[in-house]
Amino acid sequence: MLHLYPGKVRGLHYHPHFVEYLLFVEGEGVLITKDDADDPDCKEEFIHVSRGVCTRTPAGVMHAVHAISSLTFIAMLTKPWDTCNPPLVQVEPLPHTLERG
């Protein structure tokens, strides 16, 4: 179980060896995904998340979670974390904003 305070971000990273499901149990946030950081034509997706929402992030897809309010969620993986080398790869932040212009 993970908890983020309002305004905090978890990520930007990807998992090379497993699919990650996130079940949001409290609060509100935005899941940001991007398939390919090196492709300028590959658009980011912004997915509003709140209590009861379950998301699926395929292996290799970069993602981050931005907490709008206090946010609690459960991460479920399709392979054991300890059997993956590496289980997580950090990447440079993507230039984006969550503010409406």
N, C-alpha and C. Protein backbone atom coordinates (compact mmCIF):
# COMPACT_ATOMS: atom_id res chain seq x y z
N MET A 1 0.85 -1.17 0.00
CA MET A 1 0.00 0.00 0.00
C MET A 1 0.90 1.23 0.00
N LEU A 2 0.52 2.21 -0.81
CA LEU A 2 1.30 3.44 -0.93
C LEU A 2 0.41 4.63 -0.58
N HIS A 3 1.04 5.66 -0.03
CA HIS A 3 0.31 6.87 0.32
C HIS A 3 1.09 8.08 -0.18
N LEU A 4 0.39 9.01 -0.83
CA LEU A 4 0.99 10.26 -1.28
C LEU A 4 0.24 11.43 -0.67
N TYR A 5 0.97 12.43 -0.24
CA TYR A 5 0.36 13.66 0.26
C TYR A 5 -0.01 14.55 -0.91
N PRO A 6 -0.97 15.46 -0.72
CA PRO A 6 -1.40 16.34 -1.82
C PRO A 6 -0.22 17.07 -2.47
N GLY A 7 -0.20 17.06 -3.80
CA GLY A 7 0.85 17.73 -4.55
C GLY A 7 2.09 16.90 -4.80
N LYS A 8 2.20 15.75 -4.18
CA LYS A 8 3.38 14.89 -4.35
C LYS A 8 3.22 13.99 -5.57
N VAL A 9 4.38 13.57 -6.12
CA VAL A 9 4.40 12.72 -7.32
C VAL A 9 5.24 11.48 -7.04
N ARG A 10 4.74 10.32 -7.45
CA ARG A 10 5.52 9.07 -7.40
C ARG A 10 5.85 8.70 -8.84
N GLY A 11 7.11 8.53 -9.15
CA GLY A 11 7.54 8.23 -10.51
C GLY A 11 8.48 9.34 -10.92
N LEU A 12 8.86 9.39 -12.08
CA LEU A 12 8.51 8.75 -13.33
C LEU A 12 9.42 7.53 -13.51
N HIS A 13 8.81 6.39 -13.79
CA HIS A 13 9.56 5.15 -13.90
C HIS A 13 8.78 4.16 -14.77
N TYR A 14 9.44 3.03 -15.04
CA TYR A 14 8.74 1.93 -15.70
C TYR A 14 9.26 0.62 -15.13
N HIS A 15 8.49 -0.44 -15.38
CA HIS A 15 8.84 -1.78 -14.92
C HIS A 15 9.09 -2.64 -16.16
N PRO A 16 10.32 -3.10 -16.38
CA PRO A 16 10.62 -3.86 -17.59
C PRO A 16 10.09 -5.29 -17.59
N HIS A 17 9.74 -5.84 -16.41
CA HIS A 17 9.45 -7.28 -16.34
C HIS A 17 8.03 -7.63 -15.92
N PHE A 18 7.21 -6.66 -15.57
CA PHE A 18 5.86 -7.02 -15.12
C PHE A 18 4.85 -5.92 -15.41
N VAL A 19 3.59 -6.34 -15.43
CA VAL A 19 2.46 -5.43 -15.52
C VAL A 19 2.14 -4.98 -14.10
N GLU A 20 1.76 -3.71 -13.95
CA GLU A 20 1.41 -3.18 -12.63
C GLU A 20 -0.05 -2.72 -12.64
N TYR A 21 -0.81 -3.23 -11.68
CA TYR A 21 -2.18 -2.78 -11.45
C TYR A 21 -2.17 -1.88 -10.23
N LEU A 22 -2.88 -0.76 -10.30
CA LEU A 22 -3.01 0.13 -9.16
C LEU A 22 -4.49 0.23 -8.81
N LEU A 23 -4.82 -0.07 -7.55
CA LEU A 23 -6.18 0.06 -7.05
C LEU A 23 -6.21 1.24 -6.09
N PHE A 24 -6.97 2.25 -6.43
CA PHE A 24 -7.03 3.47 -5.62
C PHE A 24 -8.13 3.33 -4.58
N VAL A 25 -7.75 3.51 -3.31
CA VAL A 25 -8.68 3.26 -2.21
C VAL A 25 -9.12 4.53 -1.49
N GLU A 26 -8.39 5.62 -1.68
CA GLU A 26 -8.77 6.87 -1.03
C GLU A 26 -8.13 8.05 -1.75
N GLY A 27 -8.87 9.13 -1.91
CA GLY A 27 -8.33 10.35 -2.46
C GLY A 27 -8.54 10.49 -3.95
N GLU A 28 -7.80 11.45 -4.52
CA GLU A 28 -7.94 11.79 -5.93
C GLU A 28 -6.57 12.13 -6.50
N GLY A 29 -6.33 11.72 -7.74
CA GLY A 29 -5.05 11.99 -8.37
C GLY A 29 -5.11 11.83 -9.87
N VAL A 30 -3.92 11.86 -10.48
CA VAL A 30 -3.79 11.69 -11.92
C VAL A 30 -2.66 10.70 -12.18
N LEU A 31 -2.95 9.67 -12.98
CA LEU A 31 -1.93 8.74 -13.45
C LEU A 31 -1.49 9.25 -14.82
N ILE A 32 -0.19 9.46 -14.98
CA ILE A 32 0.37 9.95 -16.24
C ILE A 32 1.17 8.80 -16.85
N THR A 33 0.87 8.46 -18.11
CA THR A 33 1.60 7.38 -18.78
C THR A 33 2.13 7.86 -20.12
N LYS A 34 3.21 7.24 -20.56
CA LYS A 34 3.77 7.50 -21.89
C LYS A 34 4.49 6.24 -22.33
N ASP A 35 4.18 5.77 -23.54
CA ASP A 35 4.76 4.53 -24.05
C ASP A 35 6.23 4.65 -24.40
N ASP A 36 6.65 5.81 -24.95
CA ASP A 36 8.02 5.93 -25.45
C ASP A 36 8.54 7.35 -25.25
N ALA A 37 9.48 7.54 -24.32
CA ALA A 37 10.03 8.86 -24.02
C ALA A 37 10.86 9.41 -25.17
N ASP A 38 11.41 8.54 -26.01
CA ASP A 38 12.27 8.98 -27.10
C ASP A 38 11.50 9.39 -28.35
N ASP A 39 10.20 9.12 -28.38
CA ASP A 39 9.38 9.45 -29.54
C ASP A 39 8.59 10.73 -29.26
N PRO A 40 8.94 11.85 -29.91
CA PRO A 40 8.23 13.10 -29.63
C PRO A 40 6.76 13.07 -30.06
N ASP A 41 6.39 12.15 -30.94
CA ASP A 41 5.00 12.03 -31.37
C ASP A 41 4.16 11.17 -30.43
N CYS A 42 4.80 10.50 -29.50
CA CYS A 42 4.08 9.66 -28.54
C CYS A 42 3.54 10.56 -27.43
N LYS A 43 2.24 10.66 -27.35
CA LYS A 43 1.60 11.56 -26.40
C LYS A 43 1.49 10.94 -25.01
N GLU A 44 1.52 11.81 -24.02
CA GLU A 44 1.24 11.39 -22.65
C GLU A 44 -0.27 11.18 -22.51
N GLU A 45 -0.65 10.26 -21.63
CA GLU A 45 -2.05 10.10 -21.28
C GLU A 45 -2.22 10.52 -19.83
N PHE A 46 -3.28 11.25 -19.55
CA PHE A 46 -3.59 11.70 -18.20
C PHE A 46 -4.90 11.03 -17.79
N ILE A 47 -4.85 10.22 -16.75
CA ILE A 47 -6.01 9.45 -16.32
C ILE A 47 -6.39 9.87 -14.91
N HIS A 48 -7.60 10.42 -14.76
CA HIS A 48 -8.07 10.82 -13.43
C HIS A 48 -8.35 9.56 -12.62
N VAL A 49 -7.85 9.52 -11.39
CA VAL A 49 -8.06 8.35 -10.53
C VAL A 49 -8.67 8.81 -9.21
N SER A 50 -9.50 7.94 -8.64
CA SER A 50 -10.12 8.19 -7.34
C SER A 50 -10.55 6.84 -6.77
N ARG A 51 -11.17 6.86 -5.62
CA ARG A 51 -11.56 5.63 -4.93
C ARG A 51 -12.33 4.68 -5.85
N GLY A 52 -11.87 3.42 -5.88
CA GLY A 52 -12.52 2.39 -6.67
C GLY A 52 -11.96 2.19 -8.06
N VAL A 53 -11.12 3.10 -8.53
CA VAL A 53 -10.53 2.98 -9.86
C VAL A 53 -9.35 2.01 -9.81
N CYS A 54 -9.28 1.11 -10.79
CA CYS A 54 -8.15 0.19 -10.92
C CYS A 54 -7.55 0.40 -12.31
N THR A 55 -6.24 0.65 -12.36
CA THR A 55 -5.56 0.88 -13.63
C THR A 55 -4.60 -0.26 -13.93
N ARG A 56 -4.28 -0.41 -15.21
CA ARG A 56 -3.32 -1.43 -15.66
C ARG A 56 -2.24 -0.73 -16.48
N THR A 57 -0.99 -0.85 -16.05
CA THR A 57 0.14 -0.27 -16.78
C THR A 57 1.01 -1.40 -17.30
N PRO A 58 1.08 -1.59 -18.63
CA PRO A 58 1.89 -2.67 -19.19
C PRO A 58 3.38 -2.50 -18.90
N ALA A 59 4.11 -3.60 -18.96
CA ALA A 59 5.57 -3.57 -18.80
C ALA A 59 6.16 -2.61 -19.83
N GLY A 60 7.13 -1.82 -19.40
CA GLY A 60 7.82 -0.91 -20.29
C GLY A 60 7.17 0.45 -20.49
N VAL A 61 5.96 0.65 -19.97
CA VAL A 61 5.27 1.93 -20.12
C VAL A 61 5.64 2.83 -18.94
N MET A 62 6.17 4.02 -19.25
CA MET A 62 6.54 4.96 -18.20
C MET A 62 5.28 5.50 -17.54
N HIS A 63 5.36 5.71 -16.23
CA HIS A 63 4.20 6.23 -15.52
C HIS A 63 4.61 6.95 -14.24
N ALA A 64 3.71 7.81 -13.80
CA ALA A 64 3.86 8.54 -12.55
C ALA A 64 2.46 8.79 -12.01
N VAL A 65 2.36 8.93 -10.69
CA VAL A 65 1.09 9.25 -10.05
C VAL A 65 1.25 10.60 -9.35
N HIS A 66 0.34 11.53 -9.64
CA HIS A 66 0.32 12.85 -9.02
C HIS A 66 -0.89 12.91 -8.09
N ALA A 67 -0.66 13.20 -6.81
CA ALA A 67 -1.75 13.27 -5.84
C ALA A 67 -2.38 14.66 -5.86
N ILE A 68 -3.67 14.73 -6.15
CA ILE A 68 -4.41 15.99 -6.06
C ILE A 68 -4.80 16.21 -4.60
N SER A 69 -5.30 15.16 -3.96
CA SER A 69 -5.59 15.19 -2.53
C SER A 69 -4.75 14.08 -1.89
N SER A 70 -4.91 13.87 -0.61
CA SER A 70 -4.24 12.74 0.04
C SER A 70 -4.69 11.47 -0.68
N LEU A 71 -3.74 10.67 -1.15
CA LEU A 71 -4.05 9.56 -2.06
C LEU A 71 -3.45 8.25 -1.54
N THR A 72 -4.27 7.23 -1.43
CA THR A 72 -3.82 5.91 -1.00
C THR A 72 -4.18 4.90 -2.09
N PHE A 73 -3.21 4.04 -2.43
CA PHE A 73 -3.48 3.03 -3.45
C PHE A 73 -2.65 1.78 -3.19
N ILE A 74 -3.09 0.69 -3.78
CA ILE A 74 -2.43 -0.61 -3.64
C ILE A 74 -1.84 -0.97 -5.00
N ALA A 75 -0.55 -1.34 -5.01
CA ALA A 75 0.12 -1.78 -6.23
C ALA A 75 0.13 -3.30 -6.26
N MET A 76 -0.33 -3.87 -7.38
CA MET A 76 -0.34 -5.32 -7.57
C MET A 76 0.47 -5.64 -8.82
N LEU A 77 1.40 -6.56 -8.70
CA LEU A 77 2.34 -6.87 -9.77
C LEU A 77 2.11 -8.27 -10.31
N THR A 78 2.41 -8.49 -11.60
CA THR A 78 2.20 -9.81 -12.20
C THR A 78 3.40 -10.74 -12.00
N LYS A 79 4.49 -10.24 -11.40
CA LYS A 79 5.65 -11.07 -11.03
C LYS A 79 6.15 -10.58 -9.68
N PRO A 80 6.76 -11.45 -8.89
CA PRO A 80 7.32 -11.00 -7.61
C PRO A 80 8.42 -9.96 -7.82
N TRP A 81 8.36 -8.88 -7.06
CA TRP A 81 9.33 -7.78 -7.14
C TRP A 81 10.76 -8.29 -7.03
N ASP A 82 11.02 -9.18 -6.08
CA ASP A 82 12.37 -9.65 -5.79
C ASP A 82 12.97 -10.53 -6.88
N THR A 83 12.15 -11.03 -7.80
CA THR A 83 12.67 -11.89 -8.87
C THR A 83 13.01 -11.10 -10.13
N CYS A 84 12.77 -9.80 -10.12
CA CYS A 84 13.01 -8.96 -11.29
C CYS A 84 14.28 -8.14 -11.10
N ASN A 85 15.12 -8.13 -12.13
CA ASN A 85 16.37 -7.38 -12.05
C ASN A 85 16.55 -6.55 -13.32
N PRO A 86 16.27 -5.27 -13.26
CA PRO A 86 15.77 -4.50 -12.13
C PRO A 86 14.24 -4.51 -12.12
N PRO A 87 13.63 -4.33 -10.95
CA PRO A 87 12.17 -4.26 -10.92
C PRO A 87 11.63 -2.91 -11.38
N LEU A 88 12.47 -1.87 -11.29
CA LEU A 88 12.03 -0.52 -11.60
C LEU A 88 13.18 0.25 -12.24
N VAL A 89 12.87 1.04 -13.26
CA VAL A 89 13.87 1.89 -13.91
C VAL A 89 13.38 3.33 -13.84
N GLN A 90 14.13 4.19 -13.15
CA GLN A 90 13.80 5.62 -13.07
C GLN A 90 14.17 6.29 -14.39
N VAL A 91 13.36 7.24 -14.83
CA VAL A 91 13.65 8.01 -16.03
C VAL A 91 13.53 9.50 -15.70
N GLU A 92 14.11 10.31 -16.57
CA GLU A 92 14.04 11.76 -16.38
C GLU A 92 12.59 12.22 -16.47
N PRO A 93 12.22 13.20 -15.66
CA PRO A 93 10.84 13.71 -15.74
C PRO A 93 10.51 14.24 -17.13
N LEU A 94 9.27 14.00 -17.53
CA LEU A 94 8.78 14.54 -18.80
C LEU A 94 8.25 15.95 -18.57
N PRO A 95 8.44 16.84 -19.52
CA PRO A 95 7.89 18.19 -19.35
C PRO A 95 6.38 18.16 -19.52
N HIS A 96 5.65 18.36 -18.44
CA HIS A 96 4.19 18.41 -18.52
C HIS A 96 3.67 19.25 -17.36
N THR A 97 2.45 19.65 -17.47
CA THR A 97 1.81 20.39 -16.39
C THR A 97 0.41 19.83 -16.20
N LEU A 98 -0.05 19.85 -14.96
CA LEU A 98 -1.40 19.39 -14.67
C LEU A 98 -2.36 20.58 -14.54
N GLU A 99 -1.85 21.78 -14.73
CA GLU A 99 -2.70 22.97 -14.62
C GLU A 99 -3.39 23.24 -15.94
N ARG A 100 -4.61 23.71 -15.84
CA ARG A 100 -5.38 24.03 -17.05
C ARG A 100 -5.04 25.45 -17.48
N GLY A 101 -4.81 25.63 -18.77
CA GLY A 101 -4.43 26.94 -19.29
C GLY A 101 -5.59 27.64 -19.79
